């Protein structure tokens, strides 16, 4: 399936029969992923979706874990805490998202052959939520309070405030909370990223069309 069918609002389905959709066997999925990223629009969609899901989702998850659940963090400003966590997440999760998006695009095909935006957001958001389920464990291991990175950041940017006591949550419970809260959050953010991509592509297509129409003939 071409990514244009999902991300380009001006895309028109061909009248002629299209090639059979790829199956779910690993070799077929690998071929589908390679074909998906032969199109520049797929890379643009990946870049936008990474920023929306990882930085936007990071802000929501920072509020959820650090503030609502009381898990706390190093003695730095909340904005810096969110930015560092999300930037680490950008490096770690963008390759994962790069695999999820073609799979979600494959899943969103309706029986008629038309893409379903709701199905794309549902599949992509659910898969991303599953992929981020170990997030609390990875965070505490590599960037959480007491780690080398957290200590260095605190030395450079610490505000000197006393750290409040943190709420200790067992690993299975923390992962379950991450998944349960992450599913609706990432489905909504996947839908939002799709809207942003389609709007951006539509405006770009319109701009190109206007530019060509104004050229002397």
N, C-alpha and C. Protein backbone atom coordinates (compact mmCIF):
# COMPACT_ATOMS: atom_id res chain seq x y z
N UNK A 1 0.84 -1.19 0.00
CA UNK A 1 0.00 0.00 0.00
C UNK A 1 0.88 1.25 0.00
N UNK A 2 0.58 2.19 -0.91
CA UNK A 2 1.35 3.42 -0.97
C UNK A 2 0.96 4.33 0.19
N UNK A 3 1.94 4.99 0.82
CA UNK A 3 1.61 5.90 1.93
C UNK A 3 0.77 7.08 1.50
N UNK A 4 0.79 7.41 0.19
CA UNK A 4 -0.03 8.52 -0.29
C UNK A 4 -1.51 8.29 0.03
N UNK A 5 -1.94 7.04 -0.01
CA UNK A 5 -3.34 6.74 0.26
C UNK A 5 -3.75 7.11 1.67
N UNK A 6 -2.79 7.11 2.60
CA UNK A 6 -3.08 7.44 3.99
C UNK A 6 -2.83 8.91 4.28
N UNK A 7 -1.72 9.45 3.77
CA UNK A 7 -1.26 10.77 4.20
C UNK A 7 -1.58 11.91 3.24
N UNK A 8 -1.99 11.60 2.02
CA UNK A 8 -2.26 12.65 1.03
C UNK A 8 -3.77 12.81 0.85
N UNK A 9 -4.36 13.95 1.27
CA UNK A 9 -5.81 14.12 1.13
C UNK A 9 -6.26 14.26 -0.31
N UNK A 10 -5.35 14.53 -1.24
CA UNK A 10 -5.71 14.65 -2.65
C UNK A 10 -5.61 13.32 -3.38
N UNK A 11 -5.23 12.27 -2.69
CA UNK A 11 -5.05 10.97 -3.33
C UNK A 11 -6.40 10.44 -3.81
N UNK A 12 -6.40 9.92 -5.03
CA UNK A 12 -7.60 9.32 -5.62
C UNK A 12 -7.29 7.86 -5.90
N UNK A 13 -8.13 6.99 -5.38
CA UNK A 13 -7.91 5.56 -5.59
C UNK A 13 -8.03 5.22 -7.07
N UNK A 14 -7.13 4.38 -7.57
CA UNK A 14 -7.20 4.01 -8.99
C UNK A 14 -8.45 3.20 -9.28
N UNK A 15 -8.98 3.42 -10.48
CA UNK A 15 -10.17 2.67 -10.88
C UNK A 15 -9.79 1.24 -11.23
N UNK A 16 -8.61 1.09 -11.83
CA UNK A 16 -8.15 -0.25 -12.19
C UNK A 16 -7.86 -1.06 -10.94
N UNK A 17 -7.97 -2.38 -11.01
CA UNK A 17 -7.65 -3.20 -9.83
C UNK A 17 -6.23 -2.96 -9.37
N UNK A 18 -6.07 -2.87 -8.07
CA UNK A 18 -4.75 -2.64 -7.50
C UNK A 18 -4.12 -3.97 -7.12
N UNK A 19 -2.82 -3.94 -6.89
CA UNK A 19 -2.12 -5.16 -6.50
C UNK A 19 -2.65 -5.67 -5.17
N UNK A 20 -2.59 -6.97 -5.00
CA UNK A 20 -3.07 -7.58 -3.77
C UNK A 20 -2.32 -7.02 -2.57
N UNK A 21 -3.07 -6.73 -1.52
CA UNK A 21 -2.44 -6.18 -0.33
C UNK A 21 -1.46 -7.17 0.26
N UNK A 22 -0.38 -6.68 0.89
CA UNK A 22 0.61 -7.58 1.47
C UNK A 22 0.03 -8.37 2.63
N UNK A 23 0.53 -9.57 2.81
CA UNK A 23 0.08 -10.39 3.92
C UNK A 23 0.81 -10.04 5.20
N UNK A 24 0.65 -10.91 6.19
CA UNK A 24 1.22 -10.64 7.51
C UNK A 24 2.44 -11.51 7.80
N UNK A 25 2.89 -12.30 6.83
CA UNK A 25 4.10 -13.08 7.07
C UNK A 25 5.30 -12.14 7.17
N UNK A 26 6.32 -12.50 7.96
CA UNK A 26 7.47 -11.59 8.16
C UNK A 26 8.09 -11.11 6.86
N UNK A 27 8.25 -12.01 5.89
CA UNK A 27 8.87 -11.60 4.62
C UNK A 27 7.99 -10.60 3.88
N UNK A 28 6.69 -10.80 3.92
CA UNK A 28 5.77 -9.88 3.25
C UNK A 28 5.75 -8.52 3.94
N UNK A 29 5.77 -8.54 5.28
CA UNK A 29 5.80 -7.27 6.01
C UNK A 29 7.11 -6.52 5.76
N UNK A 30 8.22 -7.25 5.71
CA UNK A 30 9.51 -6.59 5.45
C UNK A 30 9.51 -5.93 4.08
N UNK A 31 8.95 -6.62 3.09
CA UNK A 31 8.86 -6.04 1.75
C UNK A 31 7.94 -4.83 1.75
N UNK A 32 6.85 -4.91 2.49
CA UNK A 32 5.91 -3.79 2.58
C UNK A 32 6.58 -2.58 3.23
N UNK A 33 7.35 -2.79 4.28
CA UNK A 33 8.02 -1.67 4.97
C UNK A 33 9.03 -1.01 4.04
N UNK A 34 9.80 -1.81 3.31
CA UNK A 34 10.77 -1.24 2.37
C UNK A 34 10.07 -0.43 1.29
N UNK A 35 8.98 -0.96 0.77
CA UNK A 35 8.22 -0.25 -0.26
C UNK A 35 7.61 1.04 0.29
N UNK A 36 7.15 0.98 1.52
CA UNK A 36 6.51 2.13 2.17
C UNK A 36 7.47 3.32 2.22
N UNK A 37 8.71 3.07 2.57
CA UNK A 37 9.67 4.16 2.76
C UNK A 37 10.42 4.53 1.48
N UNK A 38 9.97 4.01 0.35
CA UNK A 38 10.49 4.51 -0.92
C UNK A 38 9.82 5.84 -1.31
N UNK A 39 8.80 6.20 -0.57
CA UNK A 39 8.06 7.43 -0.85
C UNK A 39 8.45 8.50 0.17
N UNK A 40 8.73 9.71 -0.33
CA UNK A 40 9.17 10.79 0.56
C UNK A 40 8.10 11.17 1.57
N UNK A 41 6.84 11.03 1.19
CA UNK A 41 5.76 11.41 2.09
C UNK A 41 5.78 10.55 3.36
N UNK A 42 6.26 9.31 3.24
CA UNK A 42 6.35 8.43 4.41
C UNK A 42 7.38 8.96 5.40
N UNK A 43 8.50 9.47 4.91
CA UNK A 43 9.52 10.03 5.79
C UNK A 43 9.03 11.31 6.46
N UNK A 44 8.30 12.13 5.72
CA UNK A 44 7.74 13.35 6.32
C UNK A 44 6.73 12.99 7.41
N UNK A 45 5.90 11.98 7.13
CA UNK A 45 4.92 11.54 8.13
C UNK A 45 5.61 10.98 9.36
N UNK A 46 6.70 10.25 9.17
CA UNK A 46 7.44 9.70 10.31
C UNK A 46 8.02 10.82 11.16
N UNK A 47 8.59 11.85 10.52
CA UNK A 47 9.18 12.96 11.28
C UNK A 47 8.13 13.68 12.11
N UNK A 48 6.99 13.99 11.50
CA UNK A 48 5.93 14.70 12.22
C UNK A 48 5.36 13.83 13.33
N UNK A 49 5.11 12.57 13.02
CA UNK A 49 4.52 11.67 14.03
C UNK A 49 5.47 11.45 15.20
N UNK A 50 6.77 11.40 14.93
CA UNK A 50 7.73 11.23 16.02
C UNK A 50 7.66 12.39 16.99
N UNK A 51 7.60 13.61 16.47
CA UNK A 51 7.54 14.78 17.34
C UNK A 51 6.25 14.81 18.13
N UNK A 52 5.13 14.50 17.47
CA UNK A 52 3.83 14.57 18.15
C UNK A 52 3.72 13.48 19.21
N UNK A 53 4.04 12.25 18.85
CA UNK A 53 3.86 11.14 19.79
C UNK A 53 4.89 11.15 20.91
N UNK A 54 6.14 11.48 20.58
CA UNK A 54 7.18 11.34 21.59
C UNK A 54 7.28 12.58 22.48
N UNK A 55 7.24 13.77 21.88
CA UNK A 55 7.28 14.97 22.73
C UNK A 55 5.90 15.28 23.32
N UNK A 56 4.85 15.15 22.50
CA UNK A 56 3.50 15.35 23.04
C UNK A 56 3.13 14.28 24.04
N UNK A 57 3.37 13.02 23.67
CA UNK A 57 3.11 11.93 24.60
C UNK A 57 4.00 12.00 25.81
N UNK A 58 5.24 12.47 25.63
CA UNK A 58 6.15 12.61 26.76
C UNK A 58 5.65 13.60 27.78
N UNK A 59 5.03 14.68 27.31
CA UNK A 59 4.47 15.67 28.23
C UNK A 59 3.34 15.08 29.06
N UNK A 60 2.47 14.32 28.39
CA UNK A 60 1.35 13.69 29.10
C UNK A 60 1.87 12.65 30.09
N UNK A 61 2.82 11.84 29.66
CA UNK A 61 3.36 10.80 30.53
C UNK A 61 4.17 11.38 31.68
N UNK A 62 4.85 12.51 31.43
CA UNK A 62 5.56 13.17 32.53
C UNK A 62 4.57 13.60 33.60
N UNK A 63 3.47 14.22 33.20
CA UNK A 63 2.45 14.62 34.18
C UNK A 63 1.91 13.40 34.91
N UNK A 64 1.65 12.33 34.16
CA UNK A 64 1.03 11.15 34.75
C UNK A 64 1.94 10.49 35.78
N UNK A 65 3.18 10.22 35.40
CA UNK A 65 4.09 9.49 36.28
C UNK A 65 4.68 10.38 37.37
N UNK A 66 5.21 11.52 36.97
CA UNK A 66 5.95 12.34 37.92
C UNK A 66 5.05 13.10 38.88
N UNK A 67 3.92 13.59 38.37
CA UNK A 67 3.05 14.44 39.19
C UNK A 67 1.88 13.66 39.77
N UNK A 68 1.08 13.05 38.90
CA UNK A 68 -0.12 12.36 39.39
C UNK A 68 0.23 11.15 40.25
N UNK A 69 1.14 10.31 39.78
CA UNK A 69 1.53 9.12 40.55
C UNK A 69 2.60 9.41 41.59
N UNK A 70 3.18 10.60 41.55
CA UNK A 70 4.16 11.00 42.56
C UNK A 70 5.49 10.31 42.47
N UNK A 71 5.90 9.92 41.26
CA UNK A 71 7.18 9.23 41.12
C UNK A 71 8.37 10.20 41.14
N UNK A 72 8.09 11.49 41.00
CA UNK A 72 9.13 12.50 41.16
C UNK A 72 10.18 12.47 40.07
N UNK A 73 11.37 13.00 40.42
CA UNK A 73 12.47 13.10 39.48
C UNK A 73 13.60 13.89 40.09
N UNK A 74 14.65 14.17 39.31
CA UNK A 74 15.78 14.94 39.83
C UNK A 74 15.39 16.38 40.12
N UNK A 75 16.28 17.09 40.83
CA UNK A 75 15.99 18.47 41.24
C UNK A 75 16.27 19.44 40.10
N UNK A 76 15.48 19.32 39.04
CA UNK A 76 15.55 20.23 37.90
C UNK A 76 14.14 20.69 37.57
N UNK A 77 14.03 21.67 36.70
CA UNK A 77 12.71 22.19 36.36
C UNK A 77 11.89 21.12 35.65
N UNK A 78 10.57 21.12 35.83
CA UNK A 78 9.73 20.14 35.14
C UNK A 78 9.87 20.20 33.62
N UNK A 79 10.01 21.42 33.07
CA UNK A 79 10.14 21.54 31.62
C UNK A 79 11.41 20.86 31.11
N UNK A 80 12.52 21.05 31.83
CA UNK A 80 13.77 20.40 31.43
C UNK A 80 13.68 18.90 31.60
N UNK A 81 13.04 18.47 32.67
CA UNK A 81 12.85 17.04 32.91
C UNK A 81 12.09 16.41 31.74
N UNK A 82 10.99 17.06 31.35
CA UNK A 82 10.21 16.55 30.21
C UNK A 82 11.04 16.54 28.93
N UNK A 83 11.79 17.62 28.68
CA UNK A 83 12.55 17.73 27.43
C UNK A 83 13.64 16.65 27.35
N UNK A 84 14.34 16.41 28.45
CA UNK A 84 15.40 15.40 28.43
C UNK A 84 14.80 14.01 28.24
N UNK A 85 13.75 13.70 29.00
CA UNK A 85 13.12 12.39 28.87
C UNK A 85 12.62 12.17 27.44
N UNK A 86 11.97 13.19 26.88
CA UNK A 86 11.41 13.05 25.54
C UNK A 86 12.50 12.97 24.48
N UNK A 87 13.60 13.69 24.67
CA UNK A 87 14.69 13.63 23.70
C UNK A 87 15.34 12.25 23.69
N UNK A 88 15.50 11.67 24.87
CA UNK A 88 16.00 10.29 24.93
C UNK A 88 15.00 9.35 24.26
N UNK A 89 13.72 9.59 24.52
CA UNK A 89 12.68 8.79 23.88
C UNK A 89 12.67 8.93 22.37
N UNK A 90 12.99 10.13 21.88
CA UNK A 90 13.03 10.34 20.43
C UNK A 90 14.06 9.43 19.77
N UNK A 91 15.21 9.31 20.41
CA UNK A 91 16.27 8.44 19.86
C UNK A 91 15.87 6.97 19.95
N UNK A 92 15.27 6.59 21.07
CA UNK A 92 14.96 5.18 21.30
C UNK A 92 13.72 4.71 20.56
N UNK A 93 12.73 5.59 20.42
CA UNK A 93 11.42 5.16 19.92
C UNK A 93 11.16 5.47 18.46
N UNK A 94 11.93 6.37 17.85
CA UNK A 94 11.69 6.66 16.43
C UNK A 94 11.87 5.42 15.55
N UNK A 95 12.92 4.59 15.77
CA UNK A 95 13.01 3.36 14.97
C UNK A 95 11.81 2.43 15.17
N UNK A 96 11.29 2.39 16.39
CA UNK A 96 10.11 1.57 16.66
C UNK A 96 8.91 2.12 15.90
N UNK A 97 8.73 3.43 15.95
CA UNK A 97 7.62 4.06 15.23
C UNK A 97 7.75 3.86 13.73
N UNK A 98 8.99 3.83 13.24
CA UNK A 98 9.23 3.62 11.81
C UNK A 98 8.71 2.25 11.37
N UNK A 99 8.71 1.27 12.25
CA UNK A 99 8.16 -0.04 11.94
C UNK A 99 6.65 -0.08 12.12
N UNK A 100 6.16 0.67 13.09
CA UNK A 100 4.73 0.65 13.40
C UNK A 100 3.91 1.29 12.29
N UNK A 101 4.37 2.40 11.74
CA UNK A 101 3.55 3.15 10.79
C UNK A 101 3.20 2.36 9.53
N UNK A 102 4.13 1.65 8.89
CA UNK A 102 3.73 0.84 7.74
C UNK A 102 2.76 -0.27 8.11
N UNK A 103 2.93 -0.85 9.29
CA UNK A 103 2.00 -1.90 9.73
C UNK A 103 0.62 -1.31 9.95
N UNK A 104 0.55 -0.12 10.56
CA UNK A 104 -0.74 0.53 10.76
C UNK A 104 -1.37 0.90 9.43
N UNK A 105 -0.55 1.34 8.47
CA UNK A 105 -1.06 1.67 7.14
C UNK A 105 -1.62 0.42 6.46
N UNK A 106 -0.95 -0.70 6.63
CA UNK A 106 -1.46 -1.96 6.07
C UNK A 106 -2.77 -2.35 6.74
N UNK A 107 -2.87 -2.15 8.04
CA UNK A 107 -4.08 -2.53 8.77
C UNK A 107 -5.26 -1.65 8.41
N UNK A 108 -5.00 -0.39 8.04
CA UNK A 108 -6.11 0.56 7.88
C UNK A 108 -6.86 0.39 6.57
N UNK A 109 -6.40 -0.51 5.69
CA UNK A 109 -7.11 -0.72 4.44
C UNK A 109 -8.48 -1.35 4.71
N UNK A 110 -9.51 -0.71 4.20
CA UNK A 110 -10.86 -1.24 4.32
C UNK A 110 -11.07 -2.31 3.25
N UNK A 111 -12.12 -3.14 3.38
CA UNK A 111 -12.38 -4.16 2.35
C UNK A 111 -12.53 -3.58 0.95
N UNK A 112 -12.99 -2.33 0.86
CA UNK A 112 -13.14 -1.67 -0.43
C UNK A 112 -11.82 -1.26 -1.05
N UNK A 113 -10.74 -1.33 -0.26
CA UNK A 113 -9.45 -0.86 -0.73
C UNK A 113 -9.13 0.55 -0.32
N UNK A 114 -10.11 1.27 0.23
CA UNK A 114 -9.90 2.64 0.69
C UNK A 114 -9.24 2.63 2.07
N UNK A 115 -8.40 3.62 2.36
CA UNK A 115 -7.79 3.69 3.69
C UNK A 115 -8.76 4.26 4.71
N UNK A 116 -8.71 3.75 5.92
CA UNK A 116 -9.54 4.27 7.00
C UNK A 116 -8.67 4.98 8.03
N UNK A 117 -8.86 6.30 8.15
CA UNK A 117 -8.02 7.08 9.07
C UNK A 117 -8.19 6.61 10.51
N UNK A 118 -9.43 6.29 10.88
CA UNK A 118 -9.67 5.83 12.24
C UNK A 118 -8.95 4.53 12.54
N UNK A 119 -8.93 3.64 11.57
CA UNK A 119 -8.22 2.37 11.76
C UNK A 119 -6.72 2.59 11.88
N UNK A 120 -6.19 3.55 11.10
CA UNK A 120 -4.76 3.85 11.19
C UNK A 120 -4.41 4.36 12.58
N UNK A 121 -5.20 5.32 13.09
CA UNK A 121 -4.93 5.86 14.42
C UNK A 121 -5.08 4.79 15.49
N UNK A 122 -6.08 3.95 15.35
CA UNK A 122 -6.31 2.89 16.34
C UNK A 122 -5.16 1.89 16.35
N UNK A 123 -4.79 1.40 15.17
CA UNK A 123 -3.72 0.40 15.10
C UNK A 123 -2.38 1.00 15.50
N UNK A 124 -2.06 2.18 14.96
CA UNK A 124 -0.78 2.80 15.27
C UNK A 124 -0.66 3.18 16.73
N UNK A 125 -1.72 3.76 17.29
CA UNK A 125 -1.69 4.16 18.69
C UNK A 125 -1.59 2.97 19.62
N UNK A 126 -2.33 1.91 19.31
CA UNK A 126 -2.29 0.72 20.16
C UNK A 126 -0.91 0.06 20.12
N UNK A 127 -0.33 -0.06 18.93
CA UNK A 127 1.00 -0.66 18.82
C UNK A 127 2.06 0.18 19.52
N UNK A 128 1.94 1.51 19.41
CA UNK A 128 2.92 2.37 20.07
C UNK A 128 2.77 2.29 21.58
N UNK A 129 1.53 2.19 22.06
CA UNK A 129 1.31 2.03 23.50
C UNK A 129 1.93 0.72 24.00
N UNK A 130 1.77 -0.34 23.23
CA UNK A 130 2.38 -1.62 23.60
C UNK A 130 3.90 -1.50 23.61
N UNK A 131 4.45 -0.79 22.62
CA UNK A 131 5.91 -0.65 22.54
C UNK A 131 6.48 0.15 23.70
N UNK A 132 5.69 1.08 24.23
CA UNK A 132 6.17 1.93 25.33
C UNK A 132 5.82 1.37 26.71
N UNK A 133 5.23 0.20 26.76
CA UNK A 133 4.87 -0.39 28.06
C UNK A 133 6.08 -0.54 28.98
N UNK A 134 7.26 -0.95 28.49
CA UNK A 134 8.43 -1.03 29.38
C UNK A 134 9.04 0.34 29.69
N UNK A 135 8.42 1.42 29.23
CA UNK A 135 8.98 2.75 29.40
C UNK A 135 9.39 3.11 30.82
N UNK A 136 8.54 2.86 31.82
CA UNK A 136 8.94 3.21 33.20
C UNK A 136 10.20 2.49 33.66
N UNK A 137 10.35 1.22 33.27
CA UNK A 137 11.54 0.47 33.66
C UNK A 137 12.78 1.03 32.96
N UNK A 138 12.66 1.29 31.66
CA UNK A 138 13.79 1.84 30.91
C UNK A 138 14.16 3.23 31.43
N UNK A 139 13.15 4.02 31.77
CA UNK A 139 13.40 5.36 32.29
C UNK A 139 14.18 5.29 33.60
N UNK A 140 13.71 4.47 34.52
CA UNK A 140 14.38 4.38 35.83
C UNK A 140 15.79 3.79 35.71
N UNK A 141 16.00 2.96 34.70
CA UNK A 141 17.31 2.32 34.54
C UNK A 141 18.35 3.27 33.94
N UNK A 142 17.93 4.10 32.99
CA UNK A 142 18.90 4.89 32.24
C UNK A 142 18.87 6.39 32.55
N UNK A 143 17.70 6.95 32.86
CA UNK A 143 17.64 8.41 33.05
C UNK A 143 16.95 8.82 34.34
N UNK A 144 16.48 7.87 35.15
CA UNK A 144 15.76 8.20 36.36
C UNK A 144 16.66 8.72 37.46
N UNK A 145 16.03 9.14 38.54
CA UNK A 145 16.77 9.68 39.69
C UNK A 145 17.80 8.67 40.19
N UNK A 146 19.05 9.15 40.39
CA UNK A 146 20.13 8.30 40.86
C UNK A 146 20.99 7.71 39.77
N UNK A 147 20.57 7.84 38.50
CA UNK A 147 21.41 7.35 37.40
C UNK A 147 22.49 8.37 37.07
N UNK A 148 23.49 7.93 36.31
CA UNK A 148 24.60 8.82 35.95
C UNK A 148 24.10 10.04 35.19
N UNK A 149 23.20 9.82 34.22
CA UNK A 149 22.71 10.94 33.42
C UNK A 149 21.94 11.93 34.28
N UNK A 150 21.09 11.43 35.17
CA UNK A 150 20.33 12.32 36.04
C UNK A 150 21.26 13.12 36.95
N UNK A 151 22.30 12.48 37.44
CA UNK A 151 23.26 13.18 38.31
C UNK A 151 23.98 14.30 37.55
N UNK A 152 24.38 14.03 36.31
CA UNK A 152 25.08 15.05 35.52
C UNK A 152 24.16 16.22 35.20
N UNK A 153 22.92 15.91 34.84
CA UNK A 153 21.96 16.98 34.54
C UNK A 153 21.68 17.81 35.78
N UNK A 154 21.57 17.16 36.93
CA UNK A 154 21.32 17.88 38.17
C UNK A 154 22.48 18.80 38.52
N UNK A 155 23.72 18.34 38.29
CA UNK A 155 24.89 19.19 38.55
C UNK A 155 24.88 20.44 37.67
N UNK A 156 24.47 20.27 36.42
CA UNK A 156 24.50 21.38 35.48
C UNK A 156 23.30 22.31 35.63
N UNK A 157 22.12 21.74 35.84
CA UNK A 157 20.89 22.53 35.78
C UNK A 157 20.06 22.45 37.06
N UNK A 158 20.58 21.81 38.10
CA UNK A 158 19.80 21.66 39.33
C UNK A 158 19.44 22.99 39.95
N UNK A 159 18.24 23.06 40.52
CA UNK A 159 17.78 24.31 41.14
C UNK A 159 17.98 24.32 42.66
N UNK A 160 18.59 23.27 43.21
CA UNK A 160 18.91 23.25 44.63
C UNK A 160 17.76 22.96 45.56
N UNK A 161 16.59 22.69 45.02
CA UNK A 161 15.45 22.45 45.90
C UNK A 161 15.55 21.05 46.49
N UNK A 162 14.93 20.90 47.66
CA UNK A 162 14.89 19.59 48.30
C UNK A 162 13.94 18.68 47.55
N UNK A 163 14.34 17.44 47.36
CA UNK A 163 13.50 16.50 46.64
C UNK A 163 12.43 15.94 47.56
N UNK A 164 11.17 15.96 47.12
CA UNK A 164 10.11 15.37 47.93
C UNK A 164 10.21 13.85 47.90
N UNK A 165 9.63 13.18 48.87
CA UNK A 165 9.63 11.71 48.83
C UNK A 165 8.85 11.21 47.62
N UNK A 166 9.32 10.12 47.06
CA UNK A 166 8.67 9.58 45.87
C UNK A 166 7.79 8.39 46.22
N UNK A 167 6.84 8.13 45.34
CA UNK A 167 5.95 7.00 45.51
C UNK A 167 6.58 5.79 44.84
N UNK A 168 6.81 4.73 45.59
CA UNK A 168 7.40 3.51 45.04
C UNK A 168 6.29 2.63 44.46
N UNK A 169 6.43 2.28 43.20
CA UNK A 169 5.44 1.45 42.52
C UNK A 169 6.13 0.22 41.96
N UNK A 170 5.58 -0.94 42.21
CA UNK A 170 6.16 -2.18 41.72
C UNK A 170 6.20 -2.17 40.19
N UNK A 171 7.21 -2.83 39.64
CA UNK A 171 7.42 -2.81 38.19
C UNK A 171 6.20 -3.31 37.41
N UNK A 172 5.61 -4.47 37.75
CA UNK A 172 4.45 -4.91 36.97
C UNK A 172 3.29 -3.92 37.03
N UNK A 173 3.09 -3.31 38.20
CA UNK A 173 2.01 -2.33 38.33
C UNK A 173 2.31 -1.10 37.50
N UNK A 174 3.57 -0.64 37.54
CA UNK A 174 3.96 0.54 36.78
C UNK A 174 3.78 0.32 35.29
N UNK A 175 4.14 -0.86 34.80
CA UNK A 175 3.98 -1.16 33.38
C UNK A 175 2.51 -1.28 33.00
N UNK A 176 1.71 -1.85 33.89
CA UNK A 176 0.27 -1.95 33.62
C UNK A 176 -0.37 -0.57 33.57
N UNK A 177 0.04 0.31 34.49
CA UNK A 177 -0.48 1.68 34.48
C UNK A 177 -0.05 2.42 33.22
N UNK A 178 1.20 2.19 32.81
CA UNK A 178 1.70 2.81 31.58
C UNK A 178 0.86 2.39 30.38
N UNK A 179 0.58 1.10 30.27
CA UNK A 179 -0.19 0.59 29.14
C UNK A 179 -1.62 1.09 29.18
N UNK A 180 -2.26 0.99 30.35
CA UNK A 180 -3.65 1.40 30.45
C UNK A 180 -3.86 2.87 30.15
N UNK A 181 -2.95 3.71 30.62
CA UNK A 181 -3.06 5.14 30.37
C UNK A 181 -2.58 5.48 28.96
N UNK A 182 -1.59 4.72 28.47
CA UNK A 182 -0.99 5.04 27.18
C UNK A 182 -1.88 4.72 26.00
N UNK A 183 -2.74 3.71 26.09
CA UNK A 183 -3.56 3.33 24.94
C UNK A 183 -4.42 4.49 24.45
N UNK A 184 -5.27 5.10 25.28
CA UNK A 184 -6.06 6.22 24.76
C UNK A 184 -5.21 7.42 24.38
N UNK A 185 -4.15 7.68 25.14
CA UNK A 185 -3.29 8.84 24.84
C UNK A 185 -2.66 8.70 23.47
N UNK A 186 -2.08 7.55 23.18
CA UNK A 186 -1.36 7.40 21.92
C UNK A 186 -2.29 7.21 20.73
N UNK A 187 -3.48 6.68 20.95
CA UNK A 187 -4.45 6.63 19.85
C UNK A 187 -4.85 8.05 19.44
N UNK A 188 -5.13 8.89 20.43
CA UNK A 188 -5.48 10.29 20.13
C UNK A 188 -4.32 11.01 19.46
N UNK A 189 -3.10 10.81 19.96
CA UNK A 189 -1.94 11.50 19.37
C UNK A 189 -1.62 10.97 17.98
N UNK A 190 -1.85 9.68 17.73
CA UNK A 190 -1.65 9.16 16.38
C UNK A 190 -2.66 9.77 15.42
N UNK A 191 -3.88 9.91 15.87
CA UNK A 191 -4.90 10.57 15.05
C UNK A 191 -4.52 12.03 14.80
N UNK A 192 -4.04 12.72 15.84
CA UNK A 192 -3.63 14.12 15.69
C UNK A 192 -2.47 14.25 14.71
N UNK A 193 -1.50 13.36 14.80
CA UNK A 193 -0.36 13.42 13.87
C UNK A 193 -0.83 13.17 12.44
N UNK A 194 -1.80 12.28 12.26
CA UNK A 194 -2.33 12.03 10.92
C UNK A 194 -3.02 13.27 10.38
N UNK A 195 -3.78 13.95 11.22
CA UNK A 195 -4.44 15.19 10.79
C UNK A 195 -3.40 16.24 10.39
N UNK A 196 -2.35 16.38 11.18
CA UNK A 196 -1.30 17.37 10.88
C UNK A 196 -0.61 17.03 9.56
N UNK A 197 -0.29 15.75 9.36
CA UNK A 197 0.38 15.34 8.12
C UNK A 197 -0.52 15.61 6.92
N UNK A 198 -1.77 15.18 7.00
CA UNK A 198 -2.67 15.35 5.86
C UNK A 198 -2.93 16.83 5.57
N UNK A 199 -3.05 17.63 6.62
CA UNK A 199 -3.24 19.07 6.41
C UNK A 199 -2.01 19.70 5.77
N UNK A 200 -0.84 19.32 6.24
CA UNK A 200 0.41 19.87 5.69
C UNK A 200 0.59 19.46 4.23
N UNK A 201 0.33 18.19 3.93
CA UNK A 201 0.47 17.72 2.56
C UNK A 201 -0.54 18.40 1.65
N UNK A 202 -1.78 18.53 2.14
CA UNK A 202 -2.80 19.19 1.34
C UNK A 202 -2.44 20.63 1.01
N UNK A 203 -1.92 21.36 1.98
CA UNK A 203 -1.52 22.75 1.74
C UNK A 203 -0.34 22.82 0.79
N UNK A 204 0.60 21.89 0.94
CA UNK A 204 1.75 21.88 0.04
C UNK A 204 1.31 21.59 -1.39
N UNK A 205 0.41 20.61 -1.58
CA UNK A 205 -0.10 20.31 -2.91
C UNK A 205 -0.82 21.53 -3.49
N UNK A 206 -1.59 22.21 -2.67
CA UNK A 206 -2.32 23.38 -3.14
C UNK A 206 -1.35 24.49 -3.54
N UNK A 207 -0.30 24.67 -2.76
CA UNK A 207 0.71 25.69 -3.07
C UNK A 207 1.41 25.37 -4.39
N UNK A 208 1.78 24.11 -4.59
CA UNK A 208 2.44 23.72 -5.83
C UNK A 208 1.51 23.93 -7.02
N UNK A 209 0.24 23.57 -6.85
CA UNK A 209 -0.73 23.74 -7.93
C UNK A 209 -0.90 25.21 -8.29
N UNK A 210 -0.99 26.07 -7.27
CA UNK A 210 -1.12 27.51 -7.53
C UNK A 210 0.12 28.06 -8.21
N UNK A 211 1.29 27.59 -7.79
CA UNK A 211 2.54 28.07 -8.39
C UNK A 211 2.62 27.72 -9.86
N UNK A 212 2.25 26.49 -10.19
CA UNK A 212 2.28 26.07 -11.59
C UNK A 212 1.26 26.82 -12.42
N UNK A 213 0.09 27.09 -11.84
CA UNK A 213 -0.95 27.79 -12.60
C UNK A 213 -0.58 29.23 -12.90
N UNK A 214 0.31 29.82 -12.08
CA UNK A 214 0.71 31.21 -12.28
C UNK A 214 1.87 31.37 -13.25
N UNK A 215 2.51 30.26 -13.62
CA UNK A 215 3.63 30.34 -14.56
C UNK A 215 3.14 30.70 -15.95
N UNK A 216 3.90 31.53 -16.69
CA UNK A 216 3.49 31.88 -18.06
C UNK A 216 3.50 30.66 -18.96
N UNK A 217 2.56 30.62 -19.85
CA UNK A 217 2.45 29.49 -20.77
C UNK A 217 2.90 29.90 -22.17
